[in-house]
């Protein structure tokens, strides 16, 4: 072959070699691309699968969480309802016990004034009484009837307070004048026991509270002081001002109370105690007084010592001008 033919032949061989090499490279690239596409597809499937599982697990966990929260809320509501039912049950049992005690005490305490009236009428019908005897019987009958009226008022007000929500109607008035009126209404019992009573509440002191409620409180505290003050004893009413509140104290020289008696004083645990002159009462008055004072935004407390008398102090807001 000539030199030219040899060169042409070599060129053809080189071209053929390059074509074969490109074919091999293209085949390798295609296979590699197919593998990568398969790997990407597999990774995509795995990603989608894991994502689906994650969302399913998340949805299940969320559903379980909400279910537990709903269950907890239901249990909490049930527990609250059970607690309310239990509380109402205890209150009903307490009211039932108090009702039985009240019926027992009231039945006993009603005997005294009714017996006095019966004896007076019997003596007047059977024999002629002297002026002194008639005066004594009438005094006893008057005191008994006053105690009976206070007793029935206390029970009526307390019963209403257990079933109805009292509306407090505050107004500004003189606590000195109200105390003086209550002292005057108790003058028969005060004179009968020869008690010295002094009203040292400042005349200008005015309070802002429900007049009817404070009226009932003073009646009970003064009546209670008279009941436990012995013959020739002393009662003092005092008034002072601290932090926009009037502090009113009813102090007596009576027989005083033990700490155990003081702790049960404003509850329905002890409902009847006989006075120094055998006066009777249910004890509802002090329970009612505490409730009325608290409804008017105040407090009530007692300081007492056996043999040295007692001092009941309650607080009420000052009158608007006073404050």
C-alpha atoms as a PDB file:
ATOM      1  CA  UNK A   1       0.000   0.000   0.000  1.00  0.00           C
ATOM      2  CA  UNK A   2       1.083   3.463  -0.688  1.00  0.00           C
ATOM      3  CA  UNK A   3       1.798   5.844   2.100  1.00  0.00           C
ATOM      4  CA  UNK A   4      -1.397   7.719   1.374  1.00  0.00           C
ATOM      5  CA  UNK A   5      -3.474   4.585   1.646  1.00  0.00           C
ATOM      6  CA  UNK A   6      -1.854   3.715   4.964  1.00  0.00           C
ATOM      7  CA  UNK A   7      -2.708   7.110   6.393  1.00  0.00           C
ATOM      8  CA  UNK A   8      -6.269   6.805   5.196  1.00  0.00           C
ATOM      9  CA  UNK A   9      -6.533   3.366   6.797  1.00  0.00           C
ATOM     10  CA  UNK A  10      -5.121   4.626  10.099  1.00  0.00           C
ATOM     11  CA  UNK A  11      -7.563   7.530  10.087  1.00  0.00           C
ATOM     12  CA  UNK A  12     -10.433   5.108   9.591  1.00  0.00           C
ATOM     13  CA  UNK A  13      -9.168   2.956  12.473  1.00  0.00           C
ATOM     14  CA  UNK A  14      -8.856   5.976  14.762  1.00  0.00           C
ATOM     15  CA  UNK A  15     -12.354   7.106  13.836  1.00  0.00           C
ATOM     16  CA  UNK A  16     -13.690   3.626  14.462  1.00  0.00           C
ATOM     17  CA  UNK A  17     -11.900   3.507  17.828  1.00  0.00           C
ATOM     18  CA  UNK A  18     -13.292   6.863  18.841  1.00  0.00           C
ATOM     19  CA  UNK A  19     -16.792   5.795  17.867  1.00  0.00           C
ATOM     20  CA  UNK A  20     -16.445   2.587  19.895  1.00  0.00           C
ATOM     21  CA  UNK A  21     -15.093   4.553  22.873  1.00  0.00           C
ATOM     22  CA  UNK A  22     -17.913   7.083  22.658  1.00  0.00           C
ATOM     23  CA  UNK A  23     -20.396   4.254  22.428  1.00  0.00           C
ATOM     24  CA  UNK A  24     -18.892   2.671  25.544  1.00  0.00           C
ATOM     25  CA  UNK A  25     -18.913   6.019  27.366  1.00  0.00           C
ATOM     26  CA  UNK A  26     -22.502   6.735  26.317  1.00  0.00           C
ATOM     27  CA  UNK A  27     -23.554   3.277  27.468  1.00  0.00           C
ATOM     28  CA  UNK A  28     -21.765   3.838  30.793  1.00  0.00           C
ATOM     29  CA  UNK A  29     -23.368   7.269  31.211  1.00  0.00           C
ATOM     30  CA  UNK A  30     -26.805   5.871  30.379  1.00  0.00           C
ATOM     31  CA  UNK A  31     -26.380   3.023  32.835  1.00  0.00           C
ATOM     32  CA  UNK A  32     -25.072   5.420  35.494  1.00  0.00           C
ATOM     33  CA  UNK A  33     -27.973   7.813  34.833  1.00  0.00           C
ATOM     34  CA  UNK A  34     -30.445   4.931  35.076  1.00  0.00           C
ATOM     35  CA  UNK A  35     -28.903   3.891  38.397  1.00  0.00           C
ATOM     36  CA  UNK A  36     -29.105   7.482  39.707  1.00  0.00           C
ATOM     37  CA  UNK A  37     -32.710   7.809  38.560  1.00  0.00           C
ATOM     38  CA  UNK A  38     -33.537   4.509  40.251  1.00  0.00           C
ATOM     39  CA  UNK A  39     -31.772   5.677  43.433  1.00  0.00           C
ATOM     40  CA  UNK A  40     -33.589   9.020  43.354  1.00  0.00           C
ATOM     41  CA  UNK A  41     -36.875   7.211  42.768  1.00  0.00           C
ATOM     42  CA  UNK A  42     -36.145   4.881  45.668  1.00  0.00           C
ATOM     43  CA  UNK A  43     -35.210   7.819  47.909  1.00  0.00           C
ATOM     44  CA  UNK A  44     -38.365   9.661  46.849  1.00  0.00           C
ATOM     45  CA  UNK A  45     -40.484   6.616  47.663  1.00  0.00           C
ATOM     46  CA  UNK A  46     -38.750   6.260  51.028  1.00  0.00           C
ATOM     47  CA  UNK A  47     -39.173   9.991  51.755  1.00  0.00           C
ATOM     48  CA  UNK A  48     -42.854   9.882  50.858  1.00  0.00           C
ATOM     49  CA  UNK A  49     -43.303   6.709  52.921  1.00  0.00           C
ATOM     50  CA  UNK A  50     -41.542   8.171  55.964  1.00  0.00           C
ATOM     51  CA  UNK A  51     -43.482  11.434  55.582  1.00  0.00           C
ATOM     52  CA  UNK A  52     -46.750   9.552  55.379  1.00  0.00           C
ATOM     53  CA  UNK A  53     -45.838   7.488  58.428  1.00  0.00           C
ATOM     54  CA  UNK A  54     -44.803  10.648  60.289  1.00  0.00           C
ATOM     55  CA  UNK A  55     -48.062  12.428  59.497  1.00  0.00           C
ATOM     56  CA  UNK A  56     -50.068   9.328  60.427  1.00  0.00           C
ATOM     57  CA  UNK A  57     -48.145   9.025  63.692  1.00  0.00           C
ATOM     58  CA  UNK A  58     -48.547  12.772  64.331  1.00  0.00           C
ATOM     59  CA  UNK A  59     -52.276  12.637  63.591  1.00  0.00           C
ATOM     60  CA  UNK A  60     -52.638   9.626  65.879  1.00  0.00           C
ATOM     61  CA  UNK A  61     -50.650  11.330  68.644  1.00  0.00           C
ATOM     62  CA  UNK A  62     -52.709  14.510  68.237  1.00  0.00           C
ATOM     63  CA  UNK A  63     -55.922  12.508  68.337  1.00  0.00           C
ATOM     64  CA  UNK A  64     -54.694  10.648  71.419  1.00  0.00           C
ATOM     65  CA  UNK A  65     -53.655  13.934  73.072  1.00  0.00           C
ATOM     66  CA  UNK A  66     -57.042  15.523  72.399  1.00  0.00           C
ATOM     67  CA  UNK A  67     -58.766  12.391  73.613  1.00  0.00           C
ATOM     68  CA  UNK A  68     -56.742  12.449  76.846  1.00  0.00           C
ATOM     69  CA  UNK A  69     -57.401  16.180  77.302  1.00  0.00           C
ATOM     70  CA  UNK A  70     -61.121  15.624  76.781  1.00  0.00           C
ATOM     71  CA  UNK A  71     -61.009  12.718  79.201  1.00  0.00           C
ATOM     72  CA  UNK A  72     -59.123  14.810  81.761  1.00  0.00           C
ATOM     73  CA  UNK A  73     -61.589  17.670  81.333  1.00  0.00           C
ATOM     74  CA  UNK A  74     -64.503  15.273  81.735  1.00  0.00           C
ATOM     75  CA  UNK A  75     -62.914  13.750  84.839  1.00  0.00           C
ATOM     76  CA  UNK A  76     -62.219  17.205  86.246  1.00  0.00           C
ATOM     77  CA  UNK A  77     -65.803  18.297  85.628  1.00  0.00           C
ATOM     78  CA  UNK A  78     -67.066  15.099  87.207  1.00  0.00           C
ATOM     79  CA  UNK A  79     -64.803  15.617  90.216  1.00  0.00           C
ATOM     80  CA  UNK A  80     -65.983  19.219  90.533  1.00  0.00           C
ATOM     81  CA  UNK A  81     -69.594  18.135  90.264  1.00  0.00           C
ATOM     82  CA  UNK A  82     -69.007  15.399  92.821  1.00  0.00           C
ATOM     83  CA  UNK A  83     -67.338  17.918  95.135  1.00  0.00           C
ATOM     84  CA  UNK A  84     -70.284  20.305  94.733  1.00  0.00           C
ATOM     85  CA  UNK A  85     -72.764  17.500  95.353  1.00  0.00           C
ATOM     86  CA  UNK A  86     -70.779  16.386  98.400  1.00  0.00           C
ATOM     87  CA  UNK A  87     -70.618  19.966  99.684  1.00  0.00           C
ATOM     88  CA  UNK A  88     -74.362  20.407  99.201  1.00  0.00           C
ATOM     89  CA  UNK A  89     -74.925  17.100 100.924  1.00  0.00           C
ATOM     90  CA  UNK A  90     -72.848  18.215 103.908  1.00  0.00           C
ATOM     91  CA  UNK A  91     -74.657  21.567 103.985  1.00  0.00           C
ATOM     92  CA  UNK A  92     -78.032  19.816 103.912  1.00  0.00           C
ATOM     93  CA  UNK A  93     -76.931  17.474 106.694  1.00  0.00           C
ATOM     94  CA  UNK A  94     -75.689  20.455 108.712  1.00  0.00           C
ATOM     95  CA  UNK A  95     -78.934  22.349 108.092  1.00  0.00           C
ATOM     96  CA  UNK A  96     -80.907  19.280 109.078  1.00  0.00           C
ATOM     97  CA  UNK A  97     -78.907  18.984 112.313  1.00  0.00           C
ATOM     98  CA  UNK A  98     -79.308  22.700 113.006  1.00  0.00           C
ATOM     99  CA  UNK A  99     -83.029  22.467 112.283  1.00  0.00           C
ATOM    100  CA  UNK A 100     -83.406  19.687 114.845  1.00  0.00           C
ATOM    101  CA  UNK A 101     -81.397  21.684 117.405  1.00  0.00           C
ATOM    102  CA  UNK A 102     -83.391  24.826 116.695  1.00  0.00           C
ATOM    103  CA  UNK A 103     -86.702  23.032 117.076  1.00  0.00           C
ATOM    104  CA  UNK A 104     -85.540  21.554 120.361  1.00  0.00           C
ATOM    105  CA  UNK A 105     -84.191  24.853 121.708  1.00  0.00           C
ATOM    106  CA  UNK A 106     -87.090  26.974 120.465  1.00  0.00           C
ATOM    107  CA  UNK A 107     -89.598  24.570 121.997  1.00  0.00           C
ATOM    108  CA  UNK A 108     -87.765  24.902 125.303  1.00  0.00           C
ATOM    109  CA  UNK A 109     -87.293  28.684 125.108  1.00  0.00           C
ATOM    110  CA  UNK A 110     -90.903  29.342 124.193  1.00  0.00           C
ATOM    111  CA  UNK A 111     -91.979  27.831 127.497  1.00  0.00           C
ATOM    112  CA  UNK A 112     -90.502  30.669 129.597  1.00  0.00           C
ATOM    113  CA  UNK A 113     -92.456  33.652 128.200  1.00  0.00           C
ATOM    114  CA  UNK A 114     -95.604  31.621 127.703  1.00  0.00           C
ATOM    115  CA  UNK A 115     -95.365  30.266 131.257  1.00  0.00           C
ATOM    116  CA  UNK A 116     -94.942  33.819 132.610  1.00  0.00           C
ATOM    117  CA  UNK A 117     -98.007  35.017 130.729  1.00  0.00           C
ATOM    118  CA  UNK A 118     -99.986  31.971 131.819  1.00  0.00           C
ATOM    119  CA  UNK A 119     -99.036  32.492 135.485  1.00  0.00           C
ATOM    120  CA  UNK A 120     -99.914  36.187 135.289  1.00  0.00           C
ATOM    121  CA  UNK A 121    -103.333  35.501 133.774  1.00  0.00           C
ATOM    122  CA  UNK A 122    -103.978  32.662 136.248  1.00  0.00           C
ATOM    123  CA  UNK A 123    -103.076  34.808 139.276  1.00  0.00           C
ATOM    124  CA  UNK A 124    -105.146  37.713 137.982  1.00  0.00           C
ATOM    125  CA  UNK A 125    -108.176  35.476 137.472  1.00  0.00           C
ATOM    126  CA  UNK A 126    -107.870  33.623 140.792  1.00  0.00           C
ATOM    127  CA  UNK A 127    -106.890  36.397 143.212  1.00  0.00           C
ATOM    128  CA  UNK A 128    -106.434  40.087 143.496  1.00  0.00           C
ATOM    129  CA  UNK A 129    -102.795  41.104 143.086  1.00  0.00           C
ATOM    130  CA  UNK A 130    -101.126  43.963 144.888  1.00  0.00           C
ATOM    131  CA  UNK A 131     -99.652  46.802 142.876  1.00  0.00           C
ATOM    132  CA  UNK A 132     -96.109  45.523 143.557  1.00  0.00           C
ATOM    133  CA  UNK A 133     -96.970  41.955 142.574  1.00  0.00           C
ATOM    134  CA  UNK A 134     -98.727  43.095 139.417  1.00  0.00           C
ATOM    135  CA  UNK A 135     -95.775  45.309 138.485  1.00  0.00           C
ATOM    136  CA  UNK A 136     -93.336  42.426 139.002  1.00  0.00           C
ATOM    137  CA  UNK A 137     -95.415  40.022 136.929  1.00  0.00           C
ATOM    138  CA  UNK A 138     -95.852  42.581 134.155  1.00  0.00           C
ATOM    139  CA  UNK A 139     -92.115  43.325 134.131  1.00  0.00           C
ATOM    140  CA  UNK A 140     -91.287  39.631 133.827  1.00  0.00           C
ATOM    141  CA  UNK A 141     -93.921  39.161 131.152  1.00  0.00           C
ATOM    142  CA  UNK A 142     -92.608  42.193 129.214  1.00  0.00           C
ATOM    143  CA  UNK A 143     -89.002  40.951 129.345  1.00  0.00           C
ATOM    144  CA  UNK A 144     -90.106  37.458 128.327  1.00  0.00           C
ATOM    145  CA  UNK A 145     -92.133  38.793 125.414  1.00  0.00           C
ATOM    146  CA  UNK A 146     -89.228  41.005 124.277  1.00  0.00           C
ATOM    147  CA  UNK A 147     -86.884  38.017 124.391  1.00  0.00           C
ATOM    148  CA  UNK A 148     -89.468  35.991 122.502  1.00  0.00           C
ATOM    149  CA  UNK A 149     -89.777  38.663 119.776  1.00  0.00           C
ATOM    150  CA  UNK A 150     -85.983  38.841 119.401  1.00  0.00           C
ATOM    151  CA  UNK A 151     -85.769  35.051 119.354  1.00  0.00           C
ATOM    152  CA  UNK A 152     -88.407  34.721 116.628  1.00  0.00           C
ATOM    153  CA  UNK A 153     -86.858  37.590 114.605  1.00  0.00           C
ATOM    154  CA  UNK A 154     -83.434  35.951 114.759  1.00  0.00           C
ATOM    155  CA  UNK A 155     -84.785  32.605 113.631  1.00  0.00           C
ATOM    156  CA  UNK A 156     -86.830  34.229 110.861  1.00  0.00           C
ATOM    157  CA  UNK A 157     -83.880  36.274 109.570  1.00  0.00           C
ATOM    158  CA  UNK A 158     -81.479  33.336 109.826  1.00  0.00           C
ATOM    159  CA  UNK A 159     -83.893  31.040 107.984  1.00  0.00           C
ATOM    160  CA  UNK A 160     -84.279  33.586 105.194  1.00  0.00           C
ATOM    161  CA  UNK A 161     -80.508  34.000 104.933  1.00  0.00           C
ATOM    162  CA  UNK A 162     -80.130  30.254 104.328  1.00  0.00           C
ATOM    163  CA  UNK A 163     -82.536  30.182 101.402  1.00  0.00           C
ATOM    164  CA  UNK A 164     -82.501  33.660  99.902  1.00  0.00           C
ATOM    165  CA  UNK A 165     -79.741  36.076  98.893  1.00  0.00           C
ATOM    166  CA  UNK A 166     -80.163  39.201 100.970  1.00  0.00           C
ATOM    167  CA  UNK A 167     -79.646  42.501  99.189  1.00  0.00           C
ATOM    168  CA  UNK A 168     -77.511  44.959 101.139  1.00  0.00           C
ATOM    169  CA  UNK A 169     -78.911  48.495 100.941  1.00  0.00           C
ATOM    170  CA  UNK A 170     -76.269  50.734 102.491  1.00  0.00           C
ATOM    171  CA  UNK A 171     -77.007  54.243 103.716  1.00  0.00           C
ATOM    172  CA  UNK A 172     -75.248  56.751 105.952  1.00  0.00           C
ATOM    173  CA  UNK A 173     -76.603  57.095 109.511  1.00  0.00           C
ATOM    174  CA  UNK A 174     -75.556  57.818 113.098  1.00  0.00           C
ATOM    175  CA  UNK A 175     -74.411  54.687 114.916  1.00  0.00           C
ATOM    176  CA  UNK A 176     -74.656  56.573 118.245  1.00  0.00           C
ATOM    177  CA  UNK A 177     -78.360  57.291 117.712  1.00  0.00           C
ATOM    178  CA  UNK A 178     -79.083  53.715 116.683  1.00  0.00           C
ATOM    179  CA  UNK A 179     -77.267  52.360 119.763  1.00  0.00           C
ATOM    180  CA  UNK A 180     -79.158  54.771 122.022  1.00  0.00           C
ATOM    181  CA  UNK A 181     -82.451  53.527 120.547  1.00  0.00           C
ATOM    182  CA  UNK A 182     -81.518  49.880 121.175  1.00  0.00           C
ATOM    183  CA  UNK A 183     -80.528  50.717 124.761  1.00  0.00           C
ATOM    184  CA  UNK A 184     -83.881  52.410 125.313  1.00  0.00           C
ATOM    185  CA  UNK A 185     -85.778  49.404 123.974  1.00  0.00           C
ATOM    186  CA  UNK A 186     -83.860  47.177 126.425  1.00  0.00           C
ATOM    187  CA  UNK A 187     -84.440  49.485 129.415  1.00  0.00           C
ATOM    188  CA  UNK A 188     -86.836  47.083 131.157  1.00  0.00           C
ATOM    189  CA  UNK A 189     -84.272  44.264 131.291  1.00  0.00           C
ATOM    190  CA  UNK A 190     -81.488  46.733 132.200  1.00  0.00           C
ATOM    191  CA  UNK A 191     -83.464  48.163 135.122  1.00  0.00           C
ATOM    192  CA  UNK A 192     -84.586  44.719 136.264  1.00  0.00           C
ATOM    193  CA  UNK A 193     -80.946  43.606 136.710  1.00  0.00           C
ATOM    194  CA  UNK A 194     -79.818  47.067 137.939  1.00  0.00           C
ATOM    195  CA  UNK A 195     -77.204  47.231 135.187  1.00  0.00           C
ATOM    196  CA  UNK A 196     -75.312  50.435 134.497  1.00  0.00           C
ATOM    197  CA  UNK A 197     -75.067  50.963 130.734  1.00  0.00           C
ATOM    198  CA  UNK A 198     -73.086  53.746 129.088  1.00  0.00           C
ATOM    199  CA  UNK A 199     -73.054  54.774 125.433  1.00  0.00           C
ATOM    200  CA  UNK A 200     -69.664  56.442 124.764  1.00  0.00           C
ATOM    201  CA  UNK A 201     -69.840  56.173 120.971  1.00  0.00           C
ATOM    202  CA  UNK A 202     -69.050  59.647 119.536  1.00  0.00           C
ATOM    203  CA  UNK A 203     -72.336  61.336 118.627  1.00  0.00           C
ATOM    204  CA  UNK A 204     -70.910  62.606 115.328  1.00  0.00           C
ATOM    205  CA  UNK A 205     -69.764  59.139 114.199  1.00  0.00           C
ATOM    206  CA  UNK A 206     -71.639  58.001 111.079  1.00  0.00           C
ATOM    207  CA  UNK A 207     -71.353  54.734 109.218  1.00  0.00           C
ATOM    208  CA  UNK A 208     -72.334  53.578 105.710  1.00  0.00           C
ATOM    209  CA  UNK A 209     -74.134  50.231 105.953  1.00  0.00           C
ATOM    210  CA  UNK A 210     -77.514  48.539 105.781  1.00  0.00           C
ATOM    211  CA  UNK A 211     -79.530  50.105 108.610  1.00  0.00           C
ATOM    212  CA  UNK A 212     -81.781  47.096 109.222  1.00  0.00           C
ATOM    213  CA  UNK A 213     -78.849  44.688 109.391  1.00  0.00           C
ATOM    214  CA  UNK A 214     -76.821  46.838 111.814  1.00  0.00           C
ATOM    215  CA  UNK A 215     -80.004  47.354 113.853  1.00  0.00           C
ATOM    216  CA  UNK A 216     -80.299  43.586 114.242  1.00  0.00           C
ATOM    217  CA  UNK A 217     -76.589  43.278 115.121  1.00  0.00           C
ATOM    218  CA  UNK A 218     -76.799  45.905 117.895  1.00  0.00           C
ATOM    219  CA  UNK A 219     -79.997  44.396 119.297  1.00  0.00           C
ATOM    220  CA  UNK A 220     -78.352  41.007 119.549  1.00  0.00           C
ATOM    221  CA  UNK A 221     -75.065  42.255 121.021  1.00  0.00           C
ATOM    222  CA  UNK A 222     -76.785  44.446 123.627  1.00  0.00           C
ATOM    223  CA  UNK A 223     -79.283  41.696 124.473  1.00  0.00           C
ATOM    224  CA  UNK A 224     -76.404  39.220 124.755  1.00  0.00           C
ATOM    225  CA  UNK A 225     -74.474  41.595 127.064  1.00  0.00           C
ATOM    226  CA  UNK A 226     -77.531  42.054 129.316  1.00  0.00           C
ATOM    227  CA  UNK A 227     -78.121  38.306 129.370  1.00  0.00           C
ATOM    228  CA  UNK A 228     -74.633  37.484 130.678  1.00  0.00           C
ATOM    229  CA  UNK A 229     -74.102  40.528 132.923  1.00  0.00           C
ATOM    230  CA  UNK A 230     -74.930  39.880 136.589  1.00  0.00           C
ATOM    231  CA  UNK A 231     -77.026  42.057 138.893  1.00  0.00           C
ATOM    232  CA  UNK A 232     -75.459  45.522 139.379  1.00  0.00           C
ATOM    233  CA  UNK A 233     -73.054  44.870 136.491  1.00  0.00           C
ATOM    234  CA  UNK A 234     -71.933  47.295 133.800  1.00  0.00           C
ATOM    235  CA  UNK A 235     -72.125  47.501 130.004  1.00  0.00           C
ATOM    236  CA  UNK A 236     -70.255  50.028 127.867  1.00  0.00           C
ATOM    237  CA  UNK A 237     -70.653  50.832 124.180  1.00  0.00           C
ATOM    238  CA  UNK A 238     -67.544  52.295 122.560  1.00  0.00           C
ATOM    239  CA  UNK A 239     -66.712  53.646 119.109  1.00  0.00           C
ATOM    240  CA  UNK A 240     -63.505  54.578 117.316  1.00  0.00           C
ATOM    241  CA  UNK A 241     -62.193  55.086 113.763  1.00  0.00           C
ATOM    242  CA  UNK A 242     -59.334  53.192 112.077  1.00  0.00           C
ATOM    243  CA  UNK A 243     -58.492  53.052 108.341  1.00  0.00           C
ATOM    244  CA  UNK A 244     -61.874  54.346 107.105  1.00  0.00           C
ATOM    245  CA  UNK A 245     -63.752  51.864 109.289  1.00  0.00           C
ATOM    246  CA  UNK A 246     -65.785  52.439 112.433  1.00  0.00           C
ATOM    247  CA  UNK A 247     -64.951  50.025 115.265  1.00  0.00           C
ATOM    248  CA  UNK A 248     -67.954  49.506 117.560  1.00  0.00           C
ATOM    249  CA  UNK A 249     -67.491  47.590 120.824  1.00  0.00           C
ATOM    250  CA  UNK A 250     -70.107  46.258 123.257  1.00  0.00           C
ATOM    251  CA  UNK A 251     -68.267  45.473 126.514  1.00  0.00           C
ATOM    252  CA  UNK A 252     -69.825  43.795 129.570  1.00  0.00           C
ATOM    253  CA  UNK A 253     -68.709  42.815 133.057  1.00  0.00           C
ATOM    254  CA  UNK A 254     -70.295  39.383 132.776  1.00  0.00           C
ATOM    255  CA  UNK A 255     -68.938  35.936 133.507  1.00  0.00           C
ATOM    256  CA  UNK A 256     -66.826  35.726 130.340  1.00  0.00           C
ATOM    257  CA  UNK A 257     -66.109  32.712 128.165  1.00  0.00           C
ATOM    258  CA  UNK A 258     -63.500  29.987 127.786  1.00  0.00           C
ATOM    259  CA  UNK A 259     -61.427  29.754 124.608  1.00  0.00           C
ATOM    260  CA  UNK A 260     -63.454  26.705 123.542  1.00  0.00           C
ATOM    261  CA  UNK A 261     -66.693  28.681 123.889  1.00  0.00           C
ATOM    262  CA  UNK A 262     -65.231  31.579 121.904  1.00  0.00           C
ATOM    263  CA  UNK A 263     -64.186  29.295 119.044  1.00  0.00           C
ATOM    264  CA  UNK A 264     -67.724  27.903 118.702  1.00  0.00           C
ATOM    265  CA  UNK A 265     -69.411  31.252 119.265  1.00  0.00           C
ATOM    266  CA  UNK A 266     -70.195  32.288 115.672  1.00  0.00           C
ATOM    267  CA  UNK A 267     -71.214  28.820 114.488  1.00  0.00           C
ATOM    268  CA  UNK A 268     -74.279  26.675 114.981  1.00  0.00           C
ATOM    269  CA  UNK A 269     -72.383  24.200 117.181  1.00  0.00           C
ATOM    270  CA  UNK A 270     -73.669  25.651 120.467  1.00  0.00           C
ATOM    271  CA  UNK A 271     -77.182  26.992 120.266  1.00  0.00           C
ATOM    272  CA  UNK A 272     -78.310  27.689 123.802  1.00  0.00           C
ATOM    273  CA  UNK A 273     -76.708  29.054 126.968  1.00  0.00           C
ATOM    274  CA  UNK A 274     -78.534  30.254 130.066  1.00  0.00           C
ATOM    275  CA  UNK A 275     -77.893  33.812 131.221  1.00  0.00           C
ATOM    276  CA  UNK A 276     -76.974  35.043 134.711  1.00  0.00           C
ATOM    277  CA  UNK A 277     -80.671  35.505 135.552  1.00  0.00           C
ATOM    278  CA  UNK A 278     -81.685  32.251 133.835  1.00  0.00           C
ATOM    279  CA  UNK A 279     -82.421  34.022 130.534  1.00  0.00           C
ATOM    280  CA  UNK A 280     -82.620  31.744 127.534  1.00  0.00           C
ATOM    281  CA  UNK A 281     -81.723  32.138 123.864  1.00  0.00           C
ATOM    282  CA  UNK A 282     -80.849  30.103 120.779  1.00  0.00           C
ATOM    283  CA  UNK A 283     -77.448  31.624 119.960  1.00  0.00           C
ATOM    284  CA  UNK A 284     -78.639  32.207 116.392  1.00  0.00           C
ATOM    285  CA  UNK A 285     -78.303  35.959 116.976  1.00  0.00           C
ATOM    286  CA  UNK A 286     -74.499  35.890 116.971  1.00  0.00           C
ATOM    287  CA  UNK A 287     -74.390  33.702 113.862  1.00  0.00           C
ATOM    288  CA  UNK A 288     -76.746  36.110 112.139  1.00  0.00           C
ATOM    289  CA  UNK A 289     -74.738  39.128 113.353  1.00  0.00           C
ATOM    290  CA  UNK A 290     -71.525  37.747 111.876  1.00  0.00           C
ATOM    291  CA  UNK A 291     -73.237  37.111 108.551  1.00  0.00           C
ATOM    292  CA  UNK A 292     -74.736  40.615 108.437  1.00  0.00           C
ATOM    293  CA  UNK A 293     -71.472  42.354 109.358  1.00  0.00           C
ATOM    294  CA  UNK A 294     -69.552  40.444 106.672  1.00  0.00           C
ATOM    295  CA  UNK A 295     -72.227  41.283 104.078  1.00  0.00           C
ATOM    296  CA  UNK A 296     -71.562  44.952 104.875  1.00  0.00           C
ATOM    297  CA  UNK A 297     -67.827  44.543 104.301  1.00  0.00           C
ATOM    298  CA  UNK A 298     -66.821  44.368 107.972  1.00  0.00           C
ATOM    299  CA  UNK A 299     -65.605  41.889 110.558  1.00  0.00           C
ATOM    300  CA  UNK A 300     -66.642  40.835 114.045  1.00  0.00           C
ATOM    301  CA  UNK A 301     -64.522  39.406 116.857  1.00  0.00           C
ATOM    302  CA  UNK A 302     -64.729  38.697 120.570  1.00  0.00           C
ATOM    303  CA  UNK A 303     -62.288  39.141 123.435  1.00  0.00           C
ATOM    304  CA  UNK A 304     -63.232  37.371 126.621  1.00  0.00           C
ATOM    305  CA  UNK A 305     -61.842  35.840 129.771  1.00  0.00           C
ATOM    306  CA  UNK A 306     -63.655  33.743 132.336  1.00  0.00           C
ATOM    307  CA  UNK A 307     -64.792  35.882 135.249  1.00  0.00           C
ATOM    308  CA  UNK A 308     -63.759  39.140 133.549  1.00  0.00           C
ATOM    309  CA  UNK A 309     -66.484  39.768 131.003  1.00  0.00           C
ATOM    310  CA  UNK A 310     -66.550  39.931 127.208  1.00  0.00           C
ATOM    311  CA  UNK A 311     -66.083  42.547 124.499  1.00  0.00           C
ATOM    312  CA  UNK A 312     -67.645  42.141 121.068  1.00  0.00           C
ATOM    313  CA  UNK A 313     -66.189  44.429 118.392  1.00  0.00           C
ATOM    314  CA  UNK A 314     -67.456  44.795 114.843  1.00  0.00           C
ATOM    315  CA  UNK A 315     -66.234  47.010 112.019  1.00  0.00           C
ATOM    316  CA  UNK A 316     -68.271  48.758 109.329  1.00  0.00           C
ATOM    317  CA  UNK A 317     -67.359  51.319 106.652  1.00  0.00           C
ATOM    318  CA  UNK A 318     -67.506  54.971 107.660  1.00  0.00           C
ATOM    319  CA  UNK A 319     -70.106  57.317 106.276  1.00  0.00           C
ATOM    320  CA  UNK A 320     -69.043  59.001 103.038  1.00  0.00           C
ATOM    321  CA  UNK A 321     -68.430  62.344 104.746  1.00  0.00           C
ATOM    322  CA  UNK A 322     -66.510  60.647 107.571  1.00  0.00           C
ATOM    323  CA  UNK A 323     -64.278  58.768 105.095  1.00  0.00           C
END
